[in-house]
């Protein structure tokens, strides 16, 4: 599994959040650009990259959709973000808005070992 840059991970997550539960759900590049606060050209370049990496399908005039690998990767990224946000807000008592921003920053660089330890801690804290 090829490593993605933090920016590409964010694009993948946002495509997933904008799409519905089915693989056929289309996200327009303009929607993605608006959600991420970037230009359409920037979002188009990013989706070209994700398409080249085999994570999305891209149709020139229809938009993009996640393929099975892209949906799997996006789901893992969203779970990682959610777990970190929960850890920061529930365990460390960080303000939820700050916890969300920090989770977005940390999720890209946290080691698998540390992430597993946080998951184990949260599971045993119940």
N, C-alpha and C. Protein backbone atom coordinates (compact mmCIF):
# COMPACT_ATOMS: atom_id res chain seq x y z
N UNK A 1 0.84 -1.18 0.00
CA UNK A 1 0.00 0.00 0.00
C UNK A 1 0.89 1.25 0.00
N UNK A 2 0.76 2.02 -1.04
CA UNK A 2 1.59 3.22 -1.20
C UNK A 2 1.20 4.30 -0.19
N UNK A 3 2.20 4.92 0.41
CA UNK A 3 1.98 5.99 1.37
C UNK A 3 1.49 7.23 0.63
N UNK A 4 0.47 7.88 1.19
CA UNK A 4 -0.05 9.12 0.63
C UNK A 4 0.46 10.30 1.45
N UNK A 5 0.58 11.43 0.81
CA UNK A 5 0.93 12.65 1.54
C UNK A 5 -0.26 13.04 2.43
N UNK A 6 -0.02 13.83 3.47
CA UNK A 6 -1.14 14.29 4.30
C UNK A 6 -2.24 14.97 3.48
N UNK A 7 -1.86 15.76 2.49
CA UNK A 7 -2.86 16.44 1.66
C UNK A 7 -3.71 15.43 0.89
N UNK A 8 -3.08 14.41 0.32
CA UNK A 8 -3.83 13.41 -0.43
C UNK A 8 -4.74 12.61 0.50
N UNK A 9 -4.28 12.35 1.72
CA UNK A 9 -5.13 11.68 2.69
C UNK A 9 -6.36 12.53 2.99
N UNK A 10 -6.17 13.84 3.13
CA UNK A 10 -7.30 14.73 3.39
C UNK A 10 -8.28 14.75 2.23
N UNK A 11 -7.78 14.76 1.01
CA UNK A 11 -8.67 14.70 -0.15
C UNK A 11 -9.47 13.40 -0.14
N UNK A 12 -8.80 12.30 0.12
CA UNK A 12 -9.47 11.00 0.13
C UNK A 12 -10.56 10.96 1.19
N UNK A 13 -10.26 11.45 2.39
CA UNK A 13 -11.26 11.49 3.46
C UNK A 13 -12.46 12.34 3.07
N UNK A 14 -12.20 13.49 2.48
CA UNK A 14 -13.29 14.39 2.12
C UNK A 14 -14.14 13.87 0.98
N UNK A 15 -13.54 13.15 0.05
CA UNK A 15 -14.34 12.50 -1.00
C UNK A 15 -15.28 11.50 -0.34
N UNK A 16 -14.77 10.76 0.61
CA UNK A 16 -15.58 9.77 1.32
C UNK A 16 -16.72 10.45 2.08
N UNK A 17 -16.42 11.55 2.76
CA UNK A 17 -17.45 12.25 3.53
C UNK A 17 -18.53 12.86 2.63
N UNK A 18 -18.15 13.28 1.44
CA UNK A 18 -19.11 13.87 0.51
C UNK A 18 -19.93 12.83 -0.24
N UNK A 19 -19.38 11.63 -0.35
CA UNK A 19 -20.10 10.58 -1.09
C UNK A 19 -21.01 9.83 -0.14
N UNK A 20 -21.92 9.10 -0.73
CA UNK A 20 -22.82 8.28 0.07
C UNK A 20 -22.20 6.93 0.33
N UNK A 21 -22.99 5.99 0.79
CA UNK A 21 -22.48 4.67 1.14
C UNK A 21 -22.11 3.79 -0.04
N UNK A 22 -22.60 4.10 -1.23
CA UNK A 22 -22.34 3.25 -2.38
C UNK A 22 -21.13 3.69 -3.18
N UNK A 23 -20.49 2.72 -3.82
CA UNK A 23 -19.30 3.02 -4.62
C UNK A 23 -19.64 3.87 -5.83
N UNK A 24 -20.90 3.86 -6.26
CA UNK A 24 -21.28 4.60 -7.45
C UNK A 24 -21.58 6.08 -7.16
N UNK A 25 -21.52 6.50 -5.92
CA UNK A 25 -21.83 7.87 -5.56
C UNK A 25 -20.76 8.83 -6.08
N UNK A 26 -21.20 9.80 -6.87
CA UNK A 26 -20.31 10.74 -7.53
C UNK A 26 -20.15 12.00 -6.69
N UNK A 27 -18.92 12.46 -6.60
CA UNK A 27 -18.61 13.74 -5.95
C UNK A 27 -18.05 14.66 -7.03
N UNK A 28 -18.64 15.82 -7.13
CA UNK A 28 -18.16 16.79 -8.11
C UNK A 28 -16.93 17.50 -7.56
N UNK A 29 -15.96 17.73 -8.42
CA UNK A 29 -14.72 18.37 -8.01
C UNK A 29 -14.99 19.74 -7.40
N UNK A 30 -16.00 20.43 -7.90
CA UNK A 30 -16.34 21.75 -7.33
C UNK A 30 -16.82 21.63 -5.88
N UNK A 31 -17.57 20.55 -5.57
CA UNK A 31 -18.01 20.30 -4.19
C UNK A 31 -16.80 20.06 -3.29
N UNK A 32 -15.89 19.25 -3.79
CA UNK A 32 -14.68 18.92 -3.04
C UNK A 32 -13.84 20.16 -2.77
N UNK A 33 -13.68 20.99 -3.80
CA UNK A 33 -12.91 22.22 -3.67
C UNK A 33 -13.54 23.14 -2.62
N UNK A 34 -14.85 23.28 -2.67
CA UNK A 34 -15.55 24.14 -1.71
C UNK A 34 -15.37 23.62 -0.29
N UNK A 35 -15.54 22.33 -0.10
CA UNK A 35 -15.41 21.74 1.24
C UNK A 35 -14.00 21.94 1.81
N UNK A 36 -13.00 21.84 0.93
CA UNK A 36 -11.62 21.92 1.39
C UNK A 36 -11.04 23.33 1.35
N UNK A 37 -11.79 24.26 0.79
CA UNK A 37 -11.33 25.65 0.75
C UNK A 37 -10.18 25.85 -0.22
N UNK A 38 -10.22 25.14 -1.34
CA UNK A 38 -9.17 25.26 -2.35
C UNK A 38 -9.82 25.58 -3.69
N UNK A 39 -9.01 25.91 -4.67
CA UNK A 39 -9.54 26.18 -6.00
C UNK A 39 -9.96 24.88 -6.68
N UNK A 40 -10.82 25.00 -7.68
CA UNK A 40 -11.22 23.82 -8.45
C UNK A 40 -10.01 23.19 -9.15
N UNK A 41 -9.10 24.04 -9.62
CA UNK A 41 -7.90 23.52 -10.29
C UNK A 41 -7.05 22.69 -9.34
N UNK A 42 -6.92 23.16 -8.11
CA UNK A 42 -6.14 22.42 -7.11
C UNK A 42 -6.81 21.08 -6.79
N UNK A 43 -8.13 21.10 -6.61
CA UNK A 43 -8.87 19.87 -6.33
C UNK A 43 -8.79 18.92 -7.53
N UNK A 44 -8.82 19.46 -8.72
CA UNK A 44 -8.72 18.63 -9.93
C UNK A 44 -7.36 17.94 -10.01
N UNK A 45 -6.30 18.68 -9.71
CA UNK A 45 -4.96 18.07 -9.72
C UNK A 45 -4.86 16.97 -8.68
N UNK A 46 -5.42 17.22 -7.50
CA UNK A 46 -5.37 16.22 -6.44
C UNK A 46 -6.15 14.96 -6.82
N UNK A 47 -7.30 15.14 -7.43
CA UNK A 47 -8.08 13.97 -7.84
C UNK A 47 -7.39 13.22 -8.98
N UNK A 48 -6.67 13.94 -9.82
CA UNK A 48 -5.87 13.26 -10.85
C UNK A 48 -4.84 12.35 -10.20
N UNK A 49 -4.18 12.86 -9.16
CA UNK A 49 -3.18 12.08 -8.44
C UNK A 49 -3.81 10.84 -7.80
N UNK A 50 -4.95 11.02 -7.14
CA UNK A 50 -5.62 9.88 -6.50
C UNK A 50 -6.08 8.86 -7.54
N UNK A 51 -6.49 9.34 -8.70
CA UNK A 51 -6.88 8.44 -9.78
C UNK A 51 -5.67 7.64 -10.29
N UNK A 52 -4.54 8.33 -10.47
CA UNK A 52 -3.31 7.67 -10.92
C UNK A 52 -2.84 6.62 -9.92
N UNK A 53 -3.11 6.85 -8.63
CA UNK A 53 -2.72 5.90 -7.58
C UNK A 53 -3.73 4.76 -7.43
N UNK A 54 -4.79 4.81 -8.23
CA UNK A 54 -5.77 3.72 -8.22
C UNK A 54 -6.73 3.73 -7.05
N UNK A 55 -7.00 4.91 -6.49
CA UNK A 55 -7.89 4.99 -5.32
C UNK A 55 -9.28 5.53 -5.65
N UNK A 56 -9.41 6.20 -6.78
CA UNK A 56 -10.70 6.74 -7.19
C UNK A 56 -10.88 6.53 -8.69
N UNK A 57 -12.14 6.63 -9.12
CA UNK A 57 -12.46 6.70 -10.54
C UNK A 57 -12.77 8.15 -10.83
N UNK A 58 -12.30 8.64 -11.94
CA UNK A 58 -12.54 10.03 -12.30
C UNK A 58 -13.06 10.11 -13.72
N UNK A 59 -14.20 10.78 -13.86
CA UNK A 59 -14.77 11.03 -15.18
C UNK A 59 -14.69 12.52 -15.43
N UNK A 60 -14.19 12.89 -16.59
CA UNK A 60 -13.91 14.30 -16.88
C UNK A 60 -15.10 15.22 -16.61
N UNK A 61 -16.30 14.82 -16.97
CA UNK A 61 -17.44 15.71 -16.83
C UNK A 61 -18.43 15.31 -15.73
N UNK A 62 -18.21 14.17 -15.10
CA UNK A 62 -19.15 13.72 -14.08
C UNK A 62 -18.63 13.88 -12.66
N UNK A 63 -17.36 13.74 -12.43
CA UNK A 63 -16.81 13.86 -11.09
C UNK A 63 -15.98 12.65 -10.72
N UNK A 64 -15.90 12.38 -9.43
CA UNK A 64 -15.07 11.28 -8.93
C UNK A 64 -15.89 10.39 -7.99
N UNK A 65 -15.44 9.16 -7.87
CA UNK A 65 -16.02 8.25 -6.89
C UNK A 65 -14.92 7.33 -6.38
N UNK A 66 -15.08 6.88 -5.16
CA UNK A 66 -14.11 5.98 -4.56
C UNK A 66 -14.27 4.58 -5.13
N UNK A 67 -13.16 3.93 -5.40
CA UNK A 67 -13.23 2.51 -5.72
C UNK A 67 -13.08 1.75 -4.39
N UNK A 68 -13.06 0.44 -4.43
CA UNK A 68 -13.05 -0.32 -3.18
C UNK A 68 -11.80 -0.04 -2.35
N UNK A 69 -10.63 0.05 -2.99
CA UNK A 69 -9.41 0.35 -2.23
C UNK A 69 -9.46 1.76 -1.64
N UNK A 70 -9.95 2.72 -2.42
CA UNK A 70 -10.06 4.09 -1.93
C UNK A 70 -11.02 4.20 -0.77
N UNK A 71 -12.15 3.49 -0.86
CA UNK A 71 -13.13 3.53 0.24
C UNK A 71 -12.54 2.89 1.49
N UNK A 72 -11.80 1.81 1.33
CA UNK A 72 -11.16 1.15 2.47
C UNK A 72 -10.14 2.08 3.13
N UNK A 73 -9.30 2.70 2.31
CA UNK A 73 -8.28 3.62 2.85
C UNK A 73 -8.92 4.83 3.52
N UNK A 74 -9.94 5.39 2.89
CA UNK A 74 -10.62 6.56 3.47
C UNK A 74 -11.28 6.18 4.80
N UNK A 75 -11.91 5.01 4.84
CA UNK A 75 -12.53 4.56 6.08
C UNK A 75 -11.53 4.41 7.20
N UNK A 76 -10.36 3.85 6.89
CA UNK A 76 -9.30 3.70 7.91
C UNK A 76 -8.83 5.07 8.39
N UNK A 77 -8.68 6.02 7.48
CA UNK A 77 -8.26 7.38 7.86
C UNK A 77 -9.31 8.05 8.73
N UNK A 78 -10.58 7.88 8.38
CA UNK A 78 -11.65 8.48 9.18
C UNK A 78 -11.73 7.86 10.56
N UNK A 79 -11.53 6.55 10.66
CA UNK A 79 -11.53 5.89 11.98
C UNK A 79 -10.36 6.39 12.82
N UNK A 80 -9.21 6.54 12.19
CA UNK A 80 -8.01 7.03 12.90
C UNK A 80 -8.28 8.44 13.44
N UNK A 81 -8.84 9.30 12.60
CA UNK A 81 -9.15 10.67 13.02
C UNK A 81 -10.14 10.65 14.19
N UNK A 82 -11.18 9.86 14.06
CA UNK A 82 -12.21 9.79 15.09
C UNK A 82 -11.64 9.28 16.42
N UNK A 83 -10.79 8.28 16.35
CA UNK A 83 -10.17 7.74 17.55
C UNK A 83 -9.30 8.78 18.25
N UNK A 84 -8.50 9.49 17.47
CA UNK A 84 -7.63 10.51 18.05
C UNK A 84 -8.44 11.67 18.63
N UNK A 85 -9.48 12.08 17.90
CA UNK A 85 -10.35 13.16 18.41
C UNK A 85 -10.98 12.73 19.73
N UNK A 86 -11.45 11.50 19.79
CA UNK A 86 -12.06 10.98 21.02
C UNK A 86 -11.04 10.95 22.17
N UNK A 87 -9.83 10.48 21.88
CA UNK A 87 -8.78 10.42 22.90
C UNK A 87 -8.48 11.82 23.45
N UNK A 88 -8.32 12.78 22.55
CA UNK A 88 -8.01 14.14 22.99
C UNK A 88 -9.14 14.77 23.79
N UNK A 89 -10.37 14.58 23.33
CA UNK A 89 -11.49 15.25 24.00
C UNK A 89 -11.96 14.52 25.25
N UNK A 90 -12.09 13.19 25.18
CA UNK A 90 -12.63 12.45 26.33
C UNK A 90 -11.59 12.14 27.39
N UNK A 91 -10.41 11.79 26.99
CA UNK A 91 -9.39 11.37 27.96
C UNK A 91 -8.55 12.57 28.42
N UNK A 92 -8.09 13.36 27.49
CA UNK A 92 -7.25 14.50 27.83
C UNK A 92 -8.05 15.76 28.14
N UNK A 93 -9.36 15.72 27.90
CA UNK A 93 -10.27 16.83 28.19
C UNK A 93 -9.94 18.10 27.40
N UNK A 94 -9.49 17.92 26.17
CA UNK A 94 -9.23 19.04 25.27
C UNK A 94 -10.56 19.48 24.69
N UNK A 95 -10.73 20.79 24.51
CA UNK A 95 -11.94 21.32 23.88
C UNK A 95 -12.20 20.57 22.57
N UNK A 96 -13.44 20.16 22.31
CA UNK A 96 -13.73 19.36 21.11
C UNK A 96 -13.26 19.99 19.79
N UNK A 97 -13.38 21.28 19.65
CA UNK A 97 -12.92 21.93 18.41
C UNK A 97 -11.41 21.83 18.26
N UNK A 98 -10.70 22.01 19.36
CA UNK A 98 -9.24 21.89 19.35
C UNK A 98 -8.85 20.43 19.13
N UNK A 99 -9.57 19.52 19.77
CA UNK A 99 -9.29 18.09 19.62
C UNK A 99 -9.44 17.67 18.16
N UNK A 100 -10.44 18.21 17.47
CA UNK A 100 -10.64 17.86 16.06
C UNK A 100 -9.49 18.36 15.20
N UNK A 101 -9.05 19.58 15.42
CA UNK A 101 -7.92 20.14 14.66
C UNK A 101 -6.64 19.38 14.95
N UNK A 102 -6.40 19.08 16.23
CA UNK A 102 -5.19 18.35 16.59
C UNK A 102 -5.19 16.94 16.02
N UNK A 103 -6.35 16.29 16.04
CA UNK A 103 -6.45 14.94 15.48
C UNK A 103 -6.09 14.96 14.00
N UNK A 104 -6.52 16.00 13.29
CA UNK A 104 -6.22 16.11 11.87
C UNK A 104 -4.71 16.25 11.63
N UNK A 105 -4.04 16.97 12.51
CA UNK A 105 -2.59 17.14 12.38
C UNK A 105 -1.84 15.87 12.74
N UNK A 106 -2.22 15.24 13.83
CA UNK A 106 -1.50 14.09 14.37
C UNK A 106 -1.73 12.82 13.55
N UNK A 107 -2.93 12.67 12.98
CA UNK A 107 -3.28 11.42 12.29
C UNK A 107 -2.32 11.09 11.15
N UNK A 108 -1.69 12.10 10.58
CA UNK A 108 -0.81 11.88 9.44
C UNK A 108 0.58 11.37 9.83
N UNK A 109 0.97 11.61 11.07
CA UNK A 109 2.35 11.29 11.43
C UNK A 109 2.48 10.30 12.59
N UNK A 110 1.39 9.94 13.22
CA UNK A 110 1.43 9.03 14.36
C UNK A 110 1.81 7.62 13.91
N UNK A 111 2.71 7.00 14.65
CA UNK A 111 3.13 5.64 14.30
C UNK A 111 2.00 4.65 14.53
N UNK A 112 2.07 3.54 13.85
CA UNK A 112 1.08 2.47 14.02
C UNK A 112 1.09 1.96 15.46
N UNK A 113 2.28 1.87 16.04
CA UNK A 113 2.39 1.39 17.43
C UNK A 113 1.68 2.32 18.40
N UNK A 114 1.89 3.61 18.27
CA UNK A 114 1.22 4.57 19.16
C UNK A 114 -0.28 4.56 18.94
N UNK A 115 -0.69 4.47 17.69
CA UNK A 115 -2.13 4.42 17.40
C UNK A 115 -2.76 3.19 18.04
N UNK A 116 -2.12 2.03 17.91
CA UNK A 116 -2.65 0.80 18.53
C UNK A 116 -2.74 0.97 20.05
N UNK A 117 -1.75 1.60 20.64
CA UNK A 117 -1.77 1.82 22.10
C UNK A 117 -2.93 2.72 22.51
N UNK A 118 -3.19 3.75 21.72
CA UNK A 118 -4.33 4.64 22.02
C UNK A 118 -5.64 3.86 21.88
N UNK A 119 -5.75 3.05 20.84
CA UNK A 119 -6.96 2.24 20.65
C UNK A 119 -7.15 1.29 21.82
N UNK A 120 -6.08 0.63 22.24
CA UNK A 120 -6.16 -0.29 23.38
C UNK A 120 -6.57 0.46 24.65
N UNK A 121 -6.00 1.62 24.85
CA UNK A 121 -6.33 2.42 26.03
C UNK A 121 -7.81 2.77 26.03
N UNK A 122 -8.31 3.25 24.90
CA UNK A 122 -9.71 3.64 24.81
C UNK A 122 -10.63 2.43 25.01
N UNK A 123 -10.25 1.30 24.48
CA UNK A 123 -11.07 0.11 24.63
C UNK A 123 -11.12 -0.34 26.09
N UNK A 124 -10.03 -0.24 26.80
CA UNK A 124 -9.98 -0.66 28.20
C UNK A 124 -10.49 0.38 29.17
N UNK A 125 -10.66 1.64 28.70
CA UNK A 125 -11.13 2.73 29.56
C UNK A 125 -12.63 2.68 29.77
N UNK A 126 -13.32 1.84 29.00
CA UNK A 126 -14.79 1.79 29.10
C UNK A 126 -15.25 1.16 30.34
